[in-house]
C-alpha atoms as a PDB file:
ATOM      1  CA  MET A   1       7.345 -17.817  11.569  1.00  0.00           C
ATOM      2  CA  ARG A   2       4.934 -14.978  10.865  1.00  0.00           C
ATOM      3  CA  VAL A   3       5.840 -12.413   8.209  1.00  0.00           C
ATOM      4  CA  CYS A   4       4.077  -9.080   7.797  1.00  0.00           C
ATOM      5  CA  LEU A   5       4.166  -7.804   4.229  1.00  0.00           C
ATOM      6  CA  ASP A   6       3.603  -4.086   3.854  1.00  0.00           C
ATOM      7  CA  PRO A   7       2.903  -2.938   0.290  1.00  0.00           C
ATOM      8  CA  GLY A   8       3.772   0.755   0.494  1.00  0.00           C
ATOM      9  CA  HIS A   9       1.559   3.667  -0.490  1.00  0.00           C
ATOM     10  CA  GLY A  10      -2.068   3.003  -1.553  1.00  0.00           C
ATOM     11  CA  GLY A  11      -5.392   4.783  -1.241  1.00  0.00           C
ATOM     12  CA  ILE A  12      -4.885   8.544  -1.202  1.00  0.00           C
ATOM     13  CA  ASP A  13      -1.095   8.045  -1.521  1.00  0.00           C
ATOM     14  CA  ARG A  14      -0.870   7.358  -5.268  1.00  0.00           C
ATOM     15  CA  ALA A  15       1.425  10.198  -6.348  1.00  0.00           C
ATOM     16  CA  ASN A  16       4.362   7.975  -7.303  1.00  0.00           C
ATOM     17  CA  ARG A  17       3.748   7.548 -11.034  1.00  0.00           C
ATOM     18  CA  GLY A  18       6.304   6.704 -13.659  1.00  0.00           C
ATOM     19  CA  PRO A  19       6.514   8.019 -17.225  1.00  0.00           C
ATOM     20  CA  THR A  20       4.871   4.837 -18.529  1.00  0.00           C
ATOM     21  CA  GLY A  21       1.863   5.240 -16.219  1.00  0.00           C
ATOM     22  CA  TYR A  22       3.174   2.754 -13.644  1.00  0.00           C
ATOM     23  CA  VAL A  23       1.700   3.507 -10.199  1.00  0.00           C
ATOM     24  CA  GLU A  24       3.923   2.339  -7.350  1.00  0.00           C
ATOM     25  CA  ALA A  25       0.957   1.667  -5.039  1.00  0.00           C
ATOM     26  CA  ASP A  26      -0.463  -0.848  -7.539  1.00  0.00           C
ATOM     27  CA  GLY A  27       2.861  -2.443  -8.400  1.00  0.00           C
ATOM     28  CA  VAL A  28       3.929  -3.074  -4.827  1.00  0.00           C
ATOM     29  CA  LEU A  29       0.521  -4.515  -3.962  1.00  0.00           C
ATOM     30  CA  ASP A  30       0.901  -6.992  -6.815  1.00  0.00           C
ATOM     31  CA  ILE A  31       4.405  -7.888  -5.611  1.00  0.00           C
ATOM     32  CA  ALA A  32       3.144  -8.397  -2.043  1.00  0.00           C
ATOM     33  CA  LEU A  33       0.235 -10.616  -3.110  1.00  0.00           C
ATOM     34  CA  ARG A  34       2.558 -12.780  -5.216  1.00  0.00           C
ATOM     35  CA  THR A  35       5.116 -12.938  -2.411  1.00  0.00           C
ATOM     36  CA  ARG A  36       2.425 -13.989   0.046  1.00  0.00           C
ATOM     37  CA  ALA A  37       1.471 -16.913  -2.198  1.00  0.00           C
ATOM     38  CA  VAL A  38       5.090 -18.060  -2.467  1.00  0.00           C
ATOM     39  CA  LEU A  39       5.681 -17.822   1.284  1.00  0.00           C
ATOM     40  CA  GLN A  40       2.440 -19.576   2.162  1.00  0.00           C
ATOM     41  CA  ALA A  41       3.271 -22.378  -0.269  1.00  0.00           C
ATOM     42  CA  VAL A  42       6.318 -23.232   1.853  1.00  0.00           C
ATOM     43  CA  GLY A  43       4.416 -23.021   5.137  1.00  0.00           C
ATOM     44  CA  ILE A  44       5.193 -19.484   6.268  1.00  0.00           C
ATOM     45  CA  GLU A  45       2.353 -17.593   7.908  1.00  0.00           C
ATOM     46  CA  VAL A  46       1.758 -14.216   6.263  1.00  0.00           C
ATOM     47  CA  VAL A  47      -0.231 -11.175   7.354  1.00  0.00           C
ATOM     48  CA  MET A  48      -0.543  -8.069   5.206  1.00  0.00           C
ATOM     49  CA  THR A  49      -1.034  -4.431   6.130  1.00  0.00           C
ATOM     50  CA  ARG A  50      -3.265  -4.041   3.070  1.00  0.00           C
ATOM     51  CA  GLU A  51      -4.761  -6.328   0.429  1.00  0.00           C
ATOM     52  CA  LYS A  52      -6.454  -3.663  -1.682  1.00  0.00           C
ATOM     53  CA  ASP A  53      -5.961  -0.017  -2.595  1.00  0.00           C
ATOM     54  CA  THR A  54      -6.246   1.506   0.874  1.00  0.00           C
ATOM     55  CA  TYR A  55      -4.148   4.009   2.790  1.00  0.00           C
ATOM     56  CA  LEU A  56      -2.514   3.365   6.146  1.00  0.00           C
ATOM     57  CA  SER A  57      -0.178   5.733   7.964  1.00  0.00           C
ATOM     58  CA  LEU A  58       3.300   4.510   8.826  1.00  0.00           C
ATOM     59  CA  ALA A  59       2.293   4.313  12.487  1.00  0.00           C
ATOM     60  CA  ALA A  60      -0.766   2.203  11.627  1.00  0.00           C
ATOM     61  CA  ARG A  61       1.383  -0.153   9.537  1.00  0.00           C
ATOM     62  CA  THR A  62       3.913  -0.761  12.300  1.00  0.00           C
ATOM     63  CA  ASP A  63       1.203  -1.007  14.971  1.00  0.00           C
ATOM     64  CA  PHE A  64      -0.546  -3.670  12.879  1.00  0.00           C
ATOM     65  CA  ALA A  65       2.665  -5.695  12.558  1.00  0.00           C
ATOM     66  CA  ALA A  66       3.291  -5.463  16.303  1.00  0.00           C
ATOM     67  CA  LYS A  67      -0.274  -6.496  17.182  1.00  0.00           C
ATOM     68  CA  GLN A  68       0.024  -9.454  14.807  1.00  0.00           C
ATOM     69  CA  LYS A  69       3.275 -10.428  16.587  1.00  0.00           C
ATOM     70  CA  ALA A  70       5.125 -10.573  13.272  1.00  0.00           C
ATOM     71  CA  ASP A  71       8.631 -11.989  13.400  1.00  0.00           C
ATOM     72  CA  LEU A  72       9.571 -10.057  10.278  1.00  0.00           C
ATOM     73  CA  PHE A  73       8.193  -6.814   8.809  1.00  0.00           C
ATOM     74  CA  VAL A  74       8.872  -6.248   5.106  1.00  0.00           C
ATOM     75  CA  SER A  75       7.862  -2.906   3.607  1.00  0.00           C
ATOM     76  CA  ILE A  76       7.771  -3.165  -0.189  1.00  0.00           C
ATOM     77  CA  HIS A  77       8.550  -0.147  -2.375  1.00  0.00           C
ATOM     78  CA  THR A  78       9.696   0.385  -5.943  1.00  0.00           C
ATOM     79  CA  ASP A  79      10.888   3.353  -7.940  1.00  0.00           C
ATOM     80  CA  ALA A  80       8.002   4.559 -10.102  1.00  0.00           C
ATOM     81  CA  ALA A  81      10.436   6.235 -12.494  1.00  0.00           C
END
């Protein structure tokens, strides 16, 4: 099985900030990196749309997952508030 993790936002899309200073783009990237480690530890192949603070359009994210022949596409978002 190949899973594509998509940490939402990133790069120029950093507007989702909470009252404590939490930035959704950073939080979801951390969640995705931790999730990748857990999945890989049990033998699941993982590809990621981004591994650093970069921006990808929605079309680029889904195109990447399709080109990687991902069996599952998981877009990760949180509520910055």
